[in-house]
PDB file of N, CA and C in Angstrom:
ATOM      1  N   MET A   1     -49.364 -15.350 -20.729  1.00  0.00           N
ATOM      2  CA  MET A   1     -47.563 -14.730 -20.271  1.00  0.00           C
ATOM      3  C   MET A   1     -48.344 -13.240 -20.536  1.00  0.00           C
ATOM      4  N   THR A   2     -48.108 -12.433 -19.567  1.00  0.00           N
ATOM      5  CA  THR A   2     -47.781 -11.270 -19.120  1.00  0.00           C
ATOM      6  C   THR A   2     -46.955 -10.830 -18.616  1.00  0.00           C
ATOM      7  N   ARG A   3     -46.418  -9.473 -18.853  1.00  0.00           N
ATOM      8  CA  ARG A   3     -46.176  -8.119 -18.666  1.00  0.00           C
ATOM      9  C   ARG A   3     -44.522  -9.082 -17.542  1.00  0.00           C
ATOM     10  N   GLN A   4     -45.774  -9.071 -16.321  1.00  0.00           N
ATOM     11  CA  GLN A   4     -45.459  -9.446 -14.953  1.00  0.00           C
ATOM     12  C   GLN A   4     -44.471 -10.818 -15.119  1.00  0.00           C
ATOM     13  N   ASP A   5     -44.732 -11.571 -15.657  1.00  0.00           N
ATOM     14  CA  ASP A   5     -43.584 -13.158 -16.462  1.00  0.00           C
ATOM     15  C   ASP A   5     -41.969 -12.271 -17.060  1.00  0.00           C
ATOM     16  N   ALA A   6     -42.175 -11.190 -17.522  1.00  0.00           N
ATOM     17  CA  ALA A   6     -41.865 -11.457 -18.093  1.00  0.00           C
ATOM     18  C   ALA A   6     -39.691 -10.819 -17.029  1.00  0.00           C
ATOM     19  N   HIS A   7     -38.752 -11.046 -17.672  1.00  0.00           N
ATOM     20  CA  HIS A   7     -37.379 -10.975 -16.945  1.00  0.00           C
ATOM     21  C   HIS A   7     -36.373 -10.493 -18.080  1.00  0.00           C
ATOM     22  N   ARG A   8     -35.600  -9.326 -17.461  1.00  0.00           N
ATOM     23  CA  ARG A   8     -34.305  -8.637 -18.380  1.00  0.00           C
ATOM     24  C   ARG A   8     -33.479  -9.956 -18.178  1.00  0.00           C
ATOM     25  N   ILE A   9     -33.026  -9.834 -19.600  1.00  0.00           N
ATOM     26  CA  ILE A   9     -31.712 -10.755 -19.957  1.00  0.00           C
ATOM     27  C   ILE A   9     -30.966  -9.801 -20.655  1.00  0.00           C
ATOM     28  N   LEU A  10     -29.462  -9.965 -19.630  1.00  0.00           N
ATOM     29  CA  LEU A  10     -27.830  -9.164 -20.237  1.00  0.00           C
ATOM     30  C   LEU A  10     -27.525 -11.109 -21.221  1.00  0.00           C
ATOM     31  N   ILE A  11     -27.299 -10.149 -22.518  1.00  0.00           N
ATOM     32  CA  ILE A  11     -26.746 -11.654 -23.539  1.00  0.00           C
ATOM     33  C   ILE A  11     -25.097 -10.713 -23.973  1.00  0.00           C
ATOM     34  N   ALA A  12     -24.445 -11.280 -23.865  1.00  0.00           N
ATOM     35  CA  ALA A  12     -23.238 -11.080 -24.930  1.00  0.00           C
ATOM     36  C   ALA A  12     -22.492 -11.946 -24.887  1.00  0.00           C
ATOM     37  N   TYR A  13     -21.702 -11.764 -25.923  1.00  0.00           N
ATOM     38  CA  TYR A  13     -20.893 -12.519 -26.900  1.00  0.00           C
ATOM     39  C   TYR A  13     -19.452 -12.208 -27.331  1.00  0.00           C
ATOM     40  N   ASP A  14     -18.839 -13.341 -27.574  1.00  0.00           N
ATOM     41  CA  ASP A  14     -17.726 -13.754 -28.353  1.00  0.00           C
ATOM     42  C   ASP A  14     -17.596 -14.529 -29.598  1.00  0.00           C
ATOM     43  N   VAL A  15     -17.989 -14.050 -30.592  1.00  0.00           N
ATOM     44  CA  VAL A  15     -18.024 -15.334 -32.018  1.00  0.00           C
ATOM     45  C   VAL A  15     -16.697 -14.794 -32.559  1.00  0.00           C
ATOM     46  N   THR A  16     -16.431 -15.925 -33.335  1.00  0.00           N
ATOM     47  CA  THR A  16     -14.603 -15.900 -33.931  1.00  0.00           C
ATOM     48  C   THR A  16     -14.685 -15.354 -35.187  1.00  0.00           C
ATOM     49  N   ASP A  17     -16.024 -15.088 -35.762  1.00  0.00           N
ATOM     50  CA  ASP A  17     -16.636 -15.465 -37.522  1.00  0.00           C
ATOM     51  C   ASP A  17     -17.332 -14.456 -38.005  1.00  0.00           C
ATOM     52  N   ASP A  18     -17.159 -13.509 -38.788  1.00  0.00           N
ATOM     53  CA  ASP A  18     -17.329 -12.496 -38.947  1.00  0.00           C
ATOM     54  C   ASP A  18     -18.828 -12.513 -39.189  1.00  0.00           C
ATOM     55  N   ARG A  19     -19.224 -13.952 -40.367  1.00  0.00           N
ATOM     56  CA  ARG A  19     -20.787 -13.926 -40.948  1.00  0.00           C
ATOM     57  C   ARG A  19     -21.975 -14.532 -40.222  1.00  0.00           C
ATOM     58  N   ARG A  20     -21.411 -15.783 -38.907  1.00  0.00           N
ATOM     59  CA  ARG A  20     -21.553 -16.207 -38.484  1.00  0.00           C
ATOM     60  C   ARG A  20     -22.348 -13.936 -36.777  1.00  0.00           C
ATOM     61  N   ARG A  21     -21.607 -14.060 -36.402  1.00  0.00           N
ATOM     62  CA  ARG A  21     -21.476 -12.385 -35.708  1.00  0.00           C
ATOM     63  C   ARG A  21     -22.194 -11.460 -35.851  1.00  0.00           C
ATOM     64  N   ALA A  22     -22.231 -11.501 -37.624  1.00  0.00           N
ATOM     65  CA  ALA A  22     -23.848 -10.422 -37.886  1.00  0.00           C
ATOM     66  C   ALA A  22     -24.914 -11.506 -37.544  1.00  0.00           C
ATOM     67  N   GLN A  23     -25.250 -12.552 -38.269  1.00  0.00           N
ATOM     68  CA  GLN A  23     -26.467 -13.384 -38.210  1.00  0.00           C
ATOM     69  C   GLN A  23     -26.522 -13.396 -36.816  1.00  0.00           C
ATOM     70  N   LEU A  24     -25.548 -14.059 -35.533  1.00  0.00           N
ATOM     71  CA  LEU A  24     -26.398 -13.309 -34.342  1.00  0.00           C
ATOM     72  C   LEU A  24     -27.220 -12.443 -34.152  1.00  0.00           C
ATOM     73  N   ALA A  25     -26.313 -11.273 -34.404  1.00  0.00           N
ATOM     74  CA  ALA A  25     -26.635  -9.851 -33.908  1.00  0.00           C
ATOM     75  C   ALA A  25     -27.905  -9.917 -34.592  1.00  0.00           C
ATOM     76  N   LYS A  26     -28.227 -10.618 -36.063  1.00  0.00           N
ATOM     77  CA  LYS A  26     -29.585 -10.189 -36.360  1.00  0.00           C
ATOM     78  C   LYS A  26     -30.646 -10.955 -35.630  1.00  0.00           C
ATOM     79  N   VAL A  27     -30.297 -11.999 -35.202  1.00  0.00           N
ATOM     80  CA  VAL A  27     -31.362 -12.840 -34.458  1.00  0.00           C
ATOM     81  C   VAL A  27     -31.604 -11.747 -33.154  1.00  0.00           C
ATOM     82  N   LEU A  28     -30.905 -11.424 -32.572  1.00  0.00           N
ATOM     83  CA  LEU A  28     -30.866 -10.735 -31.161  1.00  0.00           C
ATOM     84  C   LEU A  28     -31.648 -10.056 -31.144  1.00  0.00           C
ATOM     85  N   SER A  29     -31.301  -9.519 -32.282  1.00  0.00           N
ATOM     86  CA  SER A  29     -32.224  -7.606 -32.400  1.00  0.00           C
ATOM     87  C   SER A  29     -33.627  -8.422 -32.778  1.00  0.00           C
ATOM     88  N   LYS A  30     -34.167  -9.293 -33.073  1.00  0.00           N
ATOM     89  CA  LYS A  30     -35.656  -9.428 -33.069  1.00  0.00           C
ATOM     90  C   LYS A  30     -35.887  -8.983 -31.800  1.00  0.00           C
ATOM     91  N   TYR A  31     -35.286  -9.696 -30.537  1.00  0.00           N
ATOM     92  CA  TYR A  31     -35.714 -10.051 -29.180  1.00  0.00           C
ATOM     93  C   TYR A  31     -35.227  -8.699 -28.318  1.00  0.00           C
ATOM     94  N   GLY A  32     -34.450  -7.770 -29.066  1.00  0.00           N
ATOM     95  CA  GLY A  32     -34.249  -6.658 -27.511  1.00  0.00           C
ATOM     96  C   GLY A  32     -33.452  -6.113 -28.165  1.00  0.00           C
ATOM     97  N   ASP A  33     -32.661  -4.768 -27.227  1.00  0.00           N
ATOM     98  CA  ASP A  33     -31.707  -4.119 -28.133  1.00  0.00           C
ATOM     99  C   ASP A  33     -30.329  -4.117 -28.086  1.00  0.00           C
ATOM    100  N   ARG A  34     -29.366  -3.523 -29.125  1.00  0.00           N
ATOM    101  CA  ARG A  34     -27.769  -3.876 -28.554  1.00  0.00           C
ATOM    102  C   ARG A  34     -27.461  -3.161 -27.836  1.00  0.00           C
ATOM    103  N   VAL A  35     -27.088  -3.238 -27.025  1.00  0.00           N
ATOM    104  CA  VAL A  35     -26.434  -1.335 -26.068  1.00  0.00           C
ATOM    105  C   VAL A  35     -25.199  -1.793 -25.694  1.00  0.00           C
ATOM    106  N   GLN A  36     -24.061  -2.482 -27.463  1.00  0.00           N
ATOM    107  CA  GLN A  36     -22.759  -2.294 -27.199  1.00  0.00           C
ATOM    108  C   GLN A  36     -22.560  -3.447 -27.751  1.00  0.00           C
ATOM    109  N   TYR A  37     -21.372  -3.490 -28.690  1.00  0.00           N
ATOM    110  CA  TYR A  37     -21.535  -4.162 -29.584  1.00  0.00           C
ATOM    111  C   TYR A  37     -21.420  -5.342 -29.446  1.00  0.00           C
ATOM    112  N   SER A  38     -21.234  -6.296 -28.757  1.00  0.00           N
ATOM    113  CA  SER A  38     -21.430  -7.792 -28.609  1.00  0.00           C
ATOM    114  C   SER A  38     -22.189  -8.046 -27.046  1.00  0.00           C
ATOM    115  N   VAL A  39     -22.896  -6.644 -27.306  1.00  0.00           N
ATOM    116  CA  VAL A  39     -24.108  -6.821 -25.810  1.00  0.00           C
ATOM    117  C   VAL A  39     -25.765  -6.446 -26.147  1.00  0.00           C
ATOM    118  N   PHE A  40     -26.611  -7.335 -25.845  1.00  0.00           N
ATOM    119  CA  PHE A  40     -27.498  -6.904 -26.340  1.00  0.00           C
ATOM    120  C   PHE A  40     -28.747  -7.084 -24.612  1.00  0.00           C
ATOM    121  N   VAL A  41     -29.953  -6.164 -24.722  1.00  0.00           N
ATOM    122  CA  VAL A  41     -30.458  -6.518 -23.108  1.00  0.00           C
ATOM    123  C   VAL A  41     -31.719  -7.181 -23.570  1.00  0.00           C
ATOM    124  N   VAL A  42     -32.363  -8.104 -23.233  1.00  0.00           N
ATOM    125  CA  VAL A  42     -33.926  -8.527 -24.187  1.00  0.00           C
ATOM    126  C   VAL A  42     -34.705  -8.665 -22.709  1.00  0.00           C
ATOM    127  N   ASP A  43     -36.108  -7.874 -22.967  1.00  0.00           N
ATOM    128  CA  ASP A  43     -36.976  -8.789 -22.361  1.00  0.00           C
ATOM    129  C   ASP A  43     -37.921  -9.283 -22.786  1.00  0.00           C
ATOM    130  N   THR A  44     -38.333 -10.136 -22.076  1.00  0.00           N
ATOM    131  CA  THR A  44     -38.479 -11.833 -22.512  1.00  0.00           C
ATOM    132  C   THR A  44     -39.605 -12.940 -21.503  1.00  0.00           C
ATOM    133  N   VAL A  45     -40.609 -12.963 -22.024  1.00  0.00           N
ATOM    134  CA  VAL A  45     -41.325 -14.330 -21.217  1.00  0.00           C
ATOM    135  C   VAL A  45     -40.358 -15.526 -21.887  1.00  0.00           C
ATOM    136  N   PRO A  46     -40.935 -16.375 -20.784  1.00  0.00           N
ATOM    137  CA  PRO A  46     -40.026 -17.413 -20.900  1.00  0.00           C
ATOM    138  C   PRO A  46     -40.191 -18.801 -21.918  1.00  0.00           C
ATOM    139  N   GLY A  47     -41.823 -18.594 -23.058  1.00  0.00           N
ATOM    140  CA  GLY A  47     -41.374 -19.672 -23.949  1.00  0.00           C
ATOM    141  C   GLY A  47     -40.947 -18.391 -25.112  1.00  0.00           C
ATOM    142  N   ARG A  48     -40.620 -17.021 -25.416  1.00  0.00           N
ATOM    143  CA  ARG A  48     -39.604 -16.790 -26.058  1.00  0.00           C
ATOM    144  C   ARG A  48     -38.188 -17.286 -25.802  1.00  0.00           C
ATOM    145  N   ALA A  49     -37.699 -16.692 -24.586  1.00  0.00           N
ATOM    146  CA  ALA A  49     -36.861 -16.665 -24.521  1.00  0.00           C
ATOM    147  C   ALA A  49     -36.195 -18.275 -24.600  1.00  0.00           C
ATOM    148  N   VAL A  50     -37.136 -18.955 -24.839  1.00  0.00           N
ATOM    149  CA  VAL A  50     -36.567 -20.569 -24.868  1.00  0.00           C
ATOM    150  C   VAL A  50     -36.148 -20.441 -27.084  1.00  0.00           C
ATOM    151  N   ARG A  51     -37.423 -19.896 -27.509  1.00  0.00           N
ATOM    152  CA  ARG A  51     -37.016 -20.110 -28.744  1.00  0.00           C
ATOM    153  C   ARG A  51     -35.643 -18.866 -28.597  1.00  0.00           C
ATOM    154  N   MET A  52     -35.853 -17.544 -28.390  1.00  0.00           N
ATOM    155  CA  MET A  52     -34.725 -17.232 -28.720  1.00  0.00           C
ATOM    156  C   MET A  52     -33.015 -17.923 -28.324  1.00  0.00           C
ATOM    157  N   ARG A  53     -33.399 -19.079 -27.792  1.00  0.00           N
ATOM    158  CA  ARG A  53     -31.555 -19.442 -26.857  1.00  0.00           C
ATOM    159  C   ARG A  53     -31.545 -20.428 -28.530  1.00  0.00           C
ATOM    160  N   VAL A  54     -32.746 -21.073 -29.280  1.00  0.00           N
ATOM    161  CA  VAL A  54     -32.895 -22.197 -29.921  1.00  0.00           C
ATOM    162  C   VAL A  54     -31.863 -21.173 -31.095  1.00  0.00           C
ATOM    163  N   GLU A  55     -32.524 -20.443 -30.872  1.00  0.00           N
ATOM    164  CA  GLU A  55     -31.773 -19.520 -32.268  1.00  0.00           C
ATOM    165  C   GLU A  55     -30.265 -19.873 -32.387  1.00  0.00           C
ATOM    166  N   VAL A  56     -30.029 -19.127 -31.097  1.00  0.00           N
ATOM    167  CA  VAL A  56     -29.198 -18.749 -31.074  1.00  0.00           C
ATOM    168  C   VAL A  56     -27.769 -19.848 -30.344  1.00  0.00           C
ATOM    169  N   SER A  57     -28.352 -20.941 -30.772  1.00  0.00           N
ATOM    170  CA  SER A  57     -27.530 -22.546 -30.921  1.00  0.00           C
ATOM    171  C   SER A  57     -26.940 -22.953 -32.041  1.00  0.00           C
ATOM    172  N   GLN A  58     -28.676 -22.406 -32.854  1.00  0.00           N
ATOM    173  CA  GLN A  58     -28.440 -23.556 -33.992  1.00  0.00           C
ATOM    174  C   GLN A  58     -27.640 -21.933 -34.906  1.00  0.00           C
ATOM    175  N   THR A  59     -27.351 -20.315 -34.603  1.00  0.00           N
ATOM    176  CA  THR A  59     -26.707 -19.761 -35.320  1.00  0.00           C
ATOM    177  C   THR A  59     -24.993 -19.411 -34.868  1.00  0.00           C
ATOM    178  N   ILE A  60     -24.610 -20.093 -33.709  1.00  0.00           N
ATOM    179  CA  ILE A  60     -23.148 -20.257 -32.981  1.00  0.00           C
ATOM    180  C   ILE A  60     -22.741 -21.525 -33.562  1.00  0.00           C
ATOM    181  N   ASP A  61     -21.245 -21.470 -33.742  1.00  0.00           N
ATOM    182  CA  ASP A  61     -20.136 -22.885 -33.524  1.00  0.00           C
ATOM    183  C   ASP A  61     -20.195 -22.578 -32.068  1.00  0.00           C
ATOM    184  N   SER A  62     -20.285 -23.832 -30.822  1.00  0.00           N
ATOM    185  CA  SER A  62     -20.574 -23.965 -30.149  1.00  0.00           C
ATOM    186  C   SER A  62     -18.684 -24.752 -29.600  1.00  0.00           C
ATOM    187  N   SER A  63     -17.680 -24.472 -30.200  1.00  0.00           N
ATOM    188  CA  SER A  63     -16.829 -25.165 -29.999  1.00  0.00           C
ATOM    189  C   SER A  63     -16.043 -23.983 -30.938  1.00  0.00           C
ATOM    190  N   GLN A  64     -16.363 -22.907 -31.207  1.00  0.00           N
ATOM    191  CA  GLN A  64     -15.631 -21.859 -31.462  1.00  0.00           C
ATOM    192  C   GLN A  64     -16.241 -19.923 -30.304  1.00  0.00           C
ATOM    193  N   ASP A  65     -17.428 -20.800 -30.130  1.00  0.00           N
ATOM    194  CA  ASP A  65     -17.859 -19.714 -29.435  1.00  0.00           C
ATOM    195  C   ASP A  65     -18.137 -19.150 -28.656  1.00  0.00           C
ATOM    196  N   SER A  66     -18.997 -17.764 -27.909  1.00  0.00           N
ATOM    197  CA  SER A  66     -18.985 -18.404 -26.571  1.00  0.00           C
ATOM    198  C   SER A  66     -20.510 -16.862 -26.651  1.00  0.00           C
ATOM    199  N   ILE A  67     -21.052 -17.864 -25.633  1.00  0.00           N
ATOM    200  CA  ILE A  67     -22.651 -16.692 -25.457  1.00  0.00           C
ATOM    201  C   ILE A  67     -22.852 -16.707 -23.945  1.00  0.00           C
ATOM    202  N   LEU A  68     -23.080 -15.880 -23.381  1.00  0.00           N
ATOM    203  CA  LEU A  68     -23.407 -15.717 -22.151  1.00  0.00           C
ATOM    204  C   LEU A  68     -24.815 -15.389 -21.850  1.00  0.00           C
ATOM    205  N   PHE A  69     -25.763 -15.281 -20.582  1.00  0.00           N
ATOM    206  CA  PHE A  69     -26.582 -14.839 -20.545  1.00  0.00           C
ATOM    207  C   PHE A  69     -27.009 -15.243 -18.956  1.00  0.00           C
ATOM    208  N   CYS A  70     -27.198 -13.478 -19.009  1.00  0.00           N
ATOM    209  CA  CYS A  70     -27.466 -13.080 -17.667  1.00  0.00           C
ATOM    210  C   CYS A  70     -28.784 -12.814 -16.806  1.00  0.00           C
ATOM    211  N   ASP A  71     -29.363 -12.958 -16.426  1.00  0.00           N
ATOM    212  CA  ASP A  71     -31.146 -13.289 -16.127  1.00  0.00           C
ATOM    213  C   ASP A  71     -30.871 -11.915 -14.357  1.00  0.00           C
ATOM    214  N   LEU A  72     -30.928 -10.925 -15.474  1.00  0.00           N
ATOM    215  CA  LEU A  72     -31.221  -9.676 -14.545  1.00  0.00           C
ATOM    216  C   LEU A  72     -32.432  -9.251 -13.335  1.00  0.00           C
ATOM    217  N   GLY A  73     -33.319 -10.263 -13.843  1.00  0.00           N
ATOM    218  CA  GLY A  73     -34.462 -10.345 -13.204  1.00  0.00           C
ATOM    219  C   GLY A  73     -35.726  -9.749 -13.447  1.00  0.00           C
ATOM    220  N   PRO A  74     -36.972 -10.179 -12.675  1.00  0.00           N
ATOM    221  CA  PRO A  74     -38.102  -9.725 -13.541  1.00  0.00           C
ATOM    222  C   PRO A  74     -38.729  -8.437 -13.287  1.00  0.00           C
ATOM    223  N   VAL A  75     -38.550  -7.734 -14.976  1.00  0.00           N
ATOM    224  CA  VAL A  75     -38.202  -6.946 -14.997  1.00  0.00           C
ATOM    225  C   VAL A  75     -39.596  -5.534 -14.604  1.00  0.00           C
ATOM    226  N   ASN A  76     -40.415  -5.658 -13.962  1.00  0.00           N
ATOM    227  CA  ASN A  76     -41.639  -4.994 -13.038  1.00  0.00           C
ATOM    228  C   ASN A  76     -40.692  -4.637 -11.806  1.00  0.00           C
ATOM    229  N   THR A  77     -39.604  -5.132 -11.882  1.00  0.00           N
ATOM    230  CA  THR A  77     -39.087  -5.123 -10.583  1.00  0.00           C
ATOM    231  C   THR A  77     -37.316  -3.836 -10.358  1.00  0.00           C
ATOM    232  N   LEU A  78     -37.100  -3.862 -11.800  1.00  0.00           N
ATOM    233  CA  LEU A  78     -36.265  -3.135 -12.484  1.00  0.00           C
ATOM    234  C   LEU A  78     -35.939  -1.768 -12.420  1.00  0.00           C
ATOM    235  N   SER A  79     -35.162  -0.983 -11.172  1.00  0.00           N
ATOM    236  CA  SER A  79     -34.738   0.420 -11.557  1.00  0.00           C
ATOM    237  C   SER A  79     -34.535   1.221 -12.774  1.00  0.00           C
ATOM    238  N   PRO A  80     -34.977   2.173 -13.281  1.00  0.00           N
ATOM    239  CA  PRO A  80     -35.031   2.386 -14.470  1.00  0.00           C
ATOM    240  C   PRO A  80     -33.223   3.346 -14.579  1.00  0.00           C
ATOM    241  N   ARG A  81     -32.469   3.614 -13.335  1.00  0.00           N
ATOM    242  CA  ARG A  81     -31.455   3.214 -13.102  1.00  0.00           C
ATOM    243  C   ARG A  81     -30.235   2.332 -12.826  1.00  0.00           C
ATOM    244  N   GLN A  82     -30.832   0.865 -13.596  1.00  0.00           N
ATOM    245  CA  GLN A  82     -29.868   0.010 -13.590  1.00  0.00           C
ATOM    246  C   GLN A  82     -28.643  -0.222 -14.291  1.00  0.00           C
ATOM    247  N   PHE A  83     -28.468   0.528 -15.656  1.00  0.00           N
ATOM    248  CA  PHE A  83     -27.425   0.637 -16.159  1.00  0.00           C
ATOM    249  C   PHE A  83     -27.161   2.472 -16.263  1.00  0.00           C
ATOM    250  N   GLU A  84     -26.075   2.271 -16.194  1.00  0.00           N
ATOM    251  CA  GLU A  84     -25.288   3.197 -16.461  1.00  0.00           C
ATOM    252  C   GLU A  84     -24.588   3.512 -17.467  1.00  0.00           C
ATOM    253  N   PHE A  85     -24.444   4.016 -18.328  1.00  0.00           N
ATOM    254  CA  PHE A  85     -23.379   4.802 -19.160  1.00  0.00           C
ATOM    255  C   PHE A  85     -22.007   5.831 -19.115  1.00  0.00           C
ATOM    256  N   GLU A  86     -21.145   5.088 -20.003  1.00  0.00           N
ATOM    257  CA  GLU A  86     -20.453   6.210 -20.003  1.00  0.00           C
ATOM    258  C   GLU A  86     -19.940   6.700 -20.935  1.00  0.00           C
ATOM    259  N   GLY A  87     -20.133   7.877 -21.954  1.00  0.00           N
ATOM    260  CA  GLY A  87     -19.774   8.277 -22.947  1.00  0.00           C
ATOM    261  C   GLY A  87     -20.750   7.857 -24.129  1.00  0.00           C
ATOM    262  N   ARG A  88     -21.373   7.598 -25.150  1.00  0.00           N
ATOM    263  CA  ARG A  88     -22.456   7.457 -26.253  1.00  0.00           C
ATOM    264  C   ARG A  88     -23.172   6.632 -26.209  1.00  0.00           C
ATOM    265  N   ARG A  89     -24.558   6.768 -25.445  1.00  0.00           N
ATOM    266  CA  ARG A  89     -25.563   6.144 -24.633  1.00  0.00           C
ATOM    267  C   ARG A  89     -26.632   5.162 -25.605  1.00  0.00           C
ATOM    268  N   ARG A  90     -26.400   3.855 -25.499  1.00  0.00           N
ATOM    269  CA  ARG A  90     -27.705   3.463 -26.672  1.00  0.00           C
ATOM    270  C   ARG A  90     -28.720   3.006 -26.137  1.00  0.00           C
ATOM    271  N   PRO A  91     -29.568   2.765 -26.232  1.00  0.00           N
ATOM    272  CA  PRO A  91     -31.318   2.898 -25.487  1.00  0.00           C
ATOM    273  C   PRO A  91     -30.952   1.089 -24.762  1.00  0.00           C
ATOM    274  N   VAL A  92     -31.452   1.416 -23.947  1.00  0.00           N
ATOM    275  CA  VAL A  92     -32.302  -0.174 -23.494  1.00  0.00           C
ATOM    276  C   VAL A  92     -34.087   0.051 -23.934  1.00  0.00           C
ATOM    277  N   THR A  93     -34.099  -1.011 -23.833  1.00  0.00           N
ATOM    278  CA  THR A  93     -36.022  -1.041 -23.271  1.00  0.00           C
ATOM    279  C   THR A  93     -36.238  -0.979 -22.676  1.00  0.00           C
ATOM    280  N   ASP A  94     -37.456  -0.133 -23.652  1.00  0.00           N
ATOM    281  CA  ASP A  94     -38.205   0.947 -22.498  1.00  0.00           C
ATOM    282  C   ASP A  94     -38.932   0.177 -21.431  1.00  0.00           C
ATOM    283  N   ARG A  95     -39.178  -0.114 -20.485  1.00  0.00           N
ATOM    284  CA  ARG A  95     -39.945  -0.815 -19.780  1.00  0.00           C
ATOM    285  C   ARG A  95     -41.300  -0.613 -19.993  1.00  0.00           C
ATOM    286  N   ASP A  96     -41.723   0.619 -20.585  1.00  0.00           N
ATOM    287  CA  ASP A  96     -43.628   0.310 -20.372  1.00  0.00           C
ATOM    288  C   ASP A  96     -43.810  -0.451 -22.262  1.00  0.00           C
ATOM    289  N   SER A  97     -42.677  -0.898 -23.086  1.00  0.00           N
ATOM    290  CA  SER A  97     -42.972  -1.593 -24.704  1.00  0.00           C
ATOM    291  C   SER A  97     -42.718  -2.263 -24.192  1.00  0.00           C
ATOM    292  N   PHE A  98     -43.072  -3.514 -24.950  1.00  0.00           N
ATOM    293  CA  PHE A  98     -43.270  -4.821 -24.238  1.00  0.00           C
ATOM    294  C   PHE A  98     -43.988  -5.923 -25.136  1.00  0.00           C
ATOM    295  N   VAL A  99     -43.325  -6.582 -25.375  1.00  0.00           N
ATOM    296  CA  VAL A  99     -43.800  -7.715 -27.255  1.00  0.00           C
ATOM    297  C   VAL A  99     -44.086  -8.961 -26.367  1.00  0.00           C
ATOM    298  N   VAL A 100     -44.560  -9.637 -26.930  1.00  0.00           N
ATOM    299  CA  VAL A 100     -44.665 -10.855 -26.752  1.00  0.00           C
ATOM    300  C   VAL A 100     -44.507 -12.268 -27.629  1.00  0.00           C
TER     301      VAL A 100
END
């Protein structure tokens, strides 16, 4: 897999339990950047995305928690102006850096 295979995924979550929420944030931090308290942006290739989703599934309680995965498309086609912030800005994954 190459950077050209990578997609940017926006992940938002509602997790009711503080401990599970902290564990989920720790899992997602391994894969991408936290851009809001309950929102992460991840640039990843398909195989790594599957591993991430398995870890997420093992962390949450699917009867109480909700996770949204939104595929924003191939990283190499995205505009640097894709995200706009109002107020304090958090960093979004740099298109030039990528971990497989």
